[in-house]
Amino acid sequence: MSDRNSDASFIVGFTIGATVGLAIGFLYAPKPGRETRTLLKERAVEAKEKADEITEKAKETATKVEKRVEEKLRRRKAAE
């Protein structure tokens, strides 16, 4: 189960790092402030949607793995 927590932590850390990197990149871009803020807002929305998508996939995968492990444990107990 610690692998699941590790994967979730990695995904959260990666998403936060990517968002911060993106924001810094836009802040140093040679565009007017209004354009930069608009673009930054659009990209933030896109990043959040992508992060939500990745999080949902990770949850689905974790649930599948958990069910497989539980089934294997049941089989092992039944065999004893």
N, C-alpha and C. Protein backbone atom coordinates (compact mmCIF):
# COMPACT_ATOMS: atom_id res chain seq x y z
N MET A 1 0.80 -1.20 0.00
CA MET A 1 0.00 0.00 0.00
C MET A 1 0.85 1.27 0.00
N SER A 2 2.12 1.17 0.47
CA SER A 2 2.95 2.36 0.48
C SER A 2 3.30 2.80 -0.94
N ASP A 3 3.32 1.86 -1.89
CA ASP A 3 3.56 2.23 -3.28
C ASP A 3 2.48 3.17 -3.78
N ARG A 4 1.25 2.91 -3.36
CA ARG A 4 0.13 3.76 -3.77
C ARG A 4 0.31 5.17 -3.26
N ASN A 5 0.71 5.30 -1.99
CA ASN A 5 0.94 6.63 -1.42
C ASN A 5 2.11 7.30 -2.11
N SER A 6 3.13 6.54 -2.42
CA SER A 6 4.30 7.08 -3.10
C SER A 6 3.93 7.58 -4.49
N ASP A 7 3.12 6.81 -5.22
CA ASP A 7 2.68 7.22 -6.55
C ASP A 7 1.84 8.49 -6.48
N ALA A 8 0.94 8.54 -5.52
CA ALA A 8 0.08 9.71 -5.37
C ALA A 8 0.92 10.94 -5.03
N SER A 9 1.90 10.77 -4.15
CA SER A 9 2.78 11.88 -3.77
C SER A 9 3.57 12.36 -4.98
N PHE A 10 4.05 11.42 -5.78
CA PHE A 10 4.80 11.79 -6.97
C PHE A 10 3.93 12.60 -7.92
N ILE A 11 2.71 12.14 -8.16
CA ILE A 11 1.81 12.82 -9.07
C ILE A 11 1.51 14.23 -8.59
N VAL A 12 1.23 14.37 -7.30
CA VAL A 12 0.94 15.69 -6.74
C VAL A 12 2.17 16.59 -6.87
N GLY A 13 3.34 16.07 -6.51
CA GLY A 13 4.57 16.86 -6.59
C GLY A 13 4.89 17.26 -8.02
N PHE A 14 4.73 16.31 -8.93
CA PHE A 14 4.99 16.59 -10.34
C PHE A 14 4.06 17.68 -10.86
N THR A 15 2.80 17.57 -10.53
CA THR A 15 1.80 18.55 -10.98
C THR A 15 2.10 19.94 -10.43
N ILE A 16 2.42 20.00 -9.16
CA ILE A 16 2.74 21.30 -8.55
C ILE A 16 4.00 21.88 -9.19
N GLY A 17 5.01 21.05 -9.36
CA GLY A 17 6.26 21.52 -9.97
C GLY A 17 6.05 22.01 -11.39
N ALA A 18 5.26 21.27 -12.16
CA ALA A 18 4.99 21.67 -13.54
C ALA A 18 4.23 22.99 -13.58
N THR A 19 3.28 23.15 -12.68
CA THR A 19 2.49 24.39 -12.64
C THR A 19 3.36 25.58 -12.27
N VAL A 20 4.19 25.39 -11.26
CA VAL A 20 5.08 26.50 -10.84
C VAL A 20 6.06 26.84 -11.96
N GLY A 21 6.62 25.82 -12.59
CA GLY A 21 7.55 26.07 -13.70
C GLY A 21 6.88 26.80 -14.84
N LEU A 22 5.68 26.40 -15.15
CA LEU A 22 4.92 27.05 -16.21
C LEU A 22 4.65 28.52 -15.86
N ALA A 23 4.26 28.75 -14.63
CA ALA A 23 3.97 30.12 -14.20
C ALA A 23 5.21 30.99 -14.28
N ILE A 24 6.33 30.48 -13.83
CA ILE A 24 7.58 31.25 -13.90
C ILE A 24 7.96 31.54 -15.35
N GLY A 25 7.79 30.54 -16.20
CA GLY A 25 8.09 30.73 -17.61
C GLY A 25 7.25 31.83 -18.23
N PHE A 26 5.98 31.85 -17.89
CA PHE A 26 5.10 32.89 -18.45
C PHE A 26 5.43 34.27 -17.89
N LEU A 27 5.81 34.31 -16.62
CA LEU A 27 6.12 35.60 -16.02
C LEU A 27 7.36 36.24 -16.65
N TYR A 28 8.27 35.43 -17.14
CA TYR A 28 9.48 35.96 -17.77
C TYR A 28 9.36 36.05 -19.29
N ALA A 29 8.21 35.71 -19.82
CA ALA A 29 8.00 35.77 -21.27
C ALA A 29 7.89 37.23 -21.71
N PRO A 30 8.39 37.55 -22.91
CA PRO A 30 8.37 38.94 -23.38
C PRO A 30 7.01 39.32 -24.00
N LYS A 31 5.97 39.35 -23.18
CA LYS A 31 4.64 39.76 -23.62
C LYS A 31 4.10 40.79 -22.65
N PRO A 32 3.14 41.57 -23.08
CA PRO A 32 2.50 42.51 -22.15
C PRO A 32 1.82 41.76 -20.99
N GLY A 33 1.71 42.43 -19.87
CA GLY A 33 1.15 41.83 -18.65
C GLY A 33 -0.22 41.23 -18.84
N ARG A 34 -1.11 41.95 -19.52
CA ARG A 34 -2.47 41.45 -19.70
C ARG A 34 -2.47 40.15 -20.49
N GLU A 35 -1.70 40.11 -21.57
CA GLU A 35 -1.62 38.89 -22.39
C GLU A 35 -1.04 37.73 -21.57
N THR A 36 -0.01 38.04 -20.82
CA THR A 36 0.64 37.01 -20.01
C THR A 36 -0.33 36.46 -18.97
N ARG A 37 -1.05 37.33 -18.30
CA ARG A 37 -2.02 36.87 -17.28
C ARG A 37 -3.12 36.03 -17.90
N THR A 38 -3.61 36.44 -19.06
CA THR A 38 -4.66 35.68 -19.74
C THR A 38 -4.14 34.31 -20.14
N LEU A 39 -2.96 34.30 -20.73
CA LEU A 39 -2.35 33.04 -21.14
C LEU A 39 -2.06 32.15 -19.94
N LEU A 40 -1.57 32.75 -18.87
CA LEU A 40 -1.27 32.00 -17.64
C LEU A 40 -2.55 31.38 -17.07
N LYS A 41 -3.63 32.14 -17.08
CA LYS A 41 -4.91 31.63 -16.58
C LYS A 41 -5.39 30.46 -17.43
N GLU A 42 -5.30 30.59 -18.74
CA GLU A 42 -5.72 29.51 -19.64
C GLU A 42 -4.89 28.26 -19.41
N ARG A 43 -3.59 28.43 -19.30
CA ARG A 43 -2.71 27.27 -19.09
C ARG A 43 -2.93 26.65 -17.73
N ALA A 44 -3.24 27.46 -16.72
CA ALA A 44 -3.51 26.93 -15.39
C ALA A 44 -4.76 26.05 -15.41
N VAL A 45 -5.77 26.51 -16.14
CA VAL A 45 -7.01 25.72 -16.27
C VAL A 45 -6.71 24.40 -16.97
N GLU A 46 -5.92 24.48 -18.05
CA GLU A 46 -5.54 23.26 -18.78
C GLU A 46 -4.74 22.31 -17.88
N ALA A 47 -3.80 22.86 -17.11
CA ALA A 47 -2.98 22.04 -16.22
C ALA A 47 -3.83 21.39 -15.15
N LYS A 48 -4.80 22.13 -14.62
CA LYS A 48 -5.69 21.56 -13.60
C LYS A 48 -6.52 20.42 -14.19
N GLU A 49 -7.04 20.63 -15.39
CA GLU A 49 -7.83 19.58 -16.03
C GLU A 49 -6.98 18.33 -16.26
N LYS A 50 -5.76 18.54 -16.72
CA LYS A 50 -4.86 17.41 -16.97
C LYS A 50 -4.51 16.71 -15.65
N ALA A 51 -4.26 17.50 -14.62
CA ALA A 51 -3.95 16.92 -13.31
C ALA A 51 -5.13 16.12 -12.77
N ASP A 52 -6.33 16.66 -12.95
CA ASP A 52 -7.53 15.93 -12.52
C ASP A 52 -7.66 14.61 -13.27
N GLU A 53 -7.36 14.66 -14.56
CA GLU A 53 -7.43 13.46 -15.40
C GLU A 53 -6.42 12.41 -14.92
N ILE A 54 -5.20 12.85 -14.68
CA ILE A 54 -4.15 11.94 -14.21
C ILE A 54 -4.50 11.38 -12.83
N THR A 55 -5.01 12.23 -11.97
CA THR A 55 -5.41 11.79 -10.63
C THR A 55 -6.49 10.73 -10.71
N GLU A 56 -7.47 10.95 -11.57
CA GLU A 56 -8.56 9.98 -11.72
C GLU A 56 -8.03 8.65 -12.24
N LYS A 57 -7.14 8.69 -13.21
CA LYS A 57 -6.55 7.46 -13.74
C LYS A 57 -5.75 6.74 -12.65
N ALA A 58 -5.00 7.51 -11.86
CA ALA A 58 -4.21 6.91 -10.79
C ALA A 58 -5.12 6.25 -9.75
N LYS A 59 -6.24 6.90 -9.43
CA LYS A 59 -7.19 6.31 -8.48
C LYS A 59 -7.77 5.01 -9.03
N GLU A 60 -8.13 5.02 -10.31
CA GLU A 60 -8.69 3.82 -10.93
C GLU A 60 -7.67 2.68 -10.91
N THR A 61 -6.43 3.00 -11.23
CA THR A 61 -5.38 1.99 -11.23
C THR A 61 -5.15 1.45 -9.82
N ALA A 62 -5.11 2.34 -8.85
CA ALA A 62 -4.91 1.93 -7.46
C ALA A 62 -6.05 1.03 -6.99
N THR A 63 -7.27 1.35 -7.38
CA THR A 63 -8.42 0.54 -7.00
C THR A 63 -8.32 -0.85 -7.62
N LYS A 64 -7.92 -0.92 -8.89
CA LYS A 64 -7.77 -2.22 -9.55
C LYS A 64 -6.69 -3.06 -8.87
N VAL A 65 -5.57 -2.42 -8.56
CA VAL A 65 -4.48 -3.14 -7.89
C VAL A 65 -4.93 -3.62 -6.52
N GLU A 66 -5.63 -2.77 -5.80
CA GLU A 66 -6.11 -3.14 -4.47
C GLU A 66 -7.04 -4.35 -4.55
N LYS A 67 -7.93 -4.38 -5.52
CA LYS A 67 -8.84 -5.52 -5.68
C LYS A 67 -8.08 -6.79 -6.00
N ARG A 68 -7.06 -6.69 -6.86
CA ARG A 68 -6.25 -7.86 -7.20
C ARG A 68 -5.52 -8.40 -5.98
N VAL A 69 -4.96 -7.50 -5.18
CA VAL A 69 -4.24 -7.92 -3.98
C VAL A 69 -5.20 -8.58 -3.00
N GLU A 70 -6.36 -7.99 -2.81
CA GLU A 70 -7.35 -8.58 -1.91
C GLU A 70 -7.77 -9.97 -2.38
N GLU A 71 -7.96 -10.13 -3.67
CA GLU A 71 -8.33 -11.43 -4.22
C GLU A 71 -7.23 -12.45 -4.00
N LYS A 72 -5.98 -12.07 -4.22
CA LYS A 72 -4.86 -12.98 -3.99
C LYS A 72 -4.76 -13.37 -2.52
N LEU A 73 -4.99 -12.41 -1.64
CA LEU A 73 -4.96 -12.72 -0.21
C LEU A 73 -6.08 -13.68 0.17
N ARG A 74 -7.26 -13.49 -0.40
CA ARG A 74 -8.38 -14.42 -0.13
C ARG A 74 -8.04 -15.82 -0.61
N ARG A 75 -7.46 -15.91 -1.80
CA ARG A 75 -7.07 -17.22 -2.35
C ARG A 75 -6.04 -17.90 -1.46
N ARG A 76 -5.06 -17.13 -1.00
CA ARG A 76 -4.02 -17.68 -0.16
C ARG A 76 -4.59 -18.19 1.16
N LYS A 77 -5.53 -17.41 1.75
CA LYS A 77 -6.15 -17.84 3.01
C LYS A 77 -6.99 -19.10 2.80
N ALA A 78 -7.68 -19.15 1.66
CA ALA A 78 -8.53 -20.31 1.37
C ALA A 78 -7.67 -21.56 1.15
N ALA A 79 -6.48 -21.39 0.61
CA ALA A 79 -5.59 -22.52 0.34
C ALA A 79 -4.95 -23.06 1.61
N GLU A 80 -4.89 -22.25 2.63
CA GLU A 80 -4.24 -22.69 3.88
C GLU A 80 -5.07 -23.64 4.64
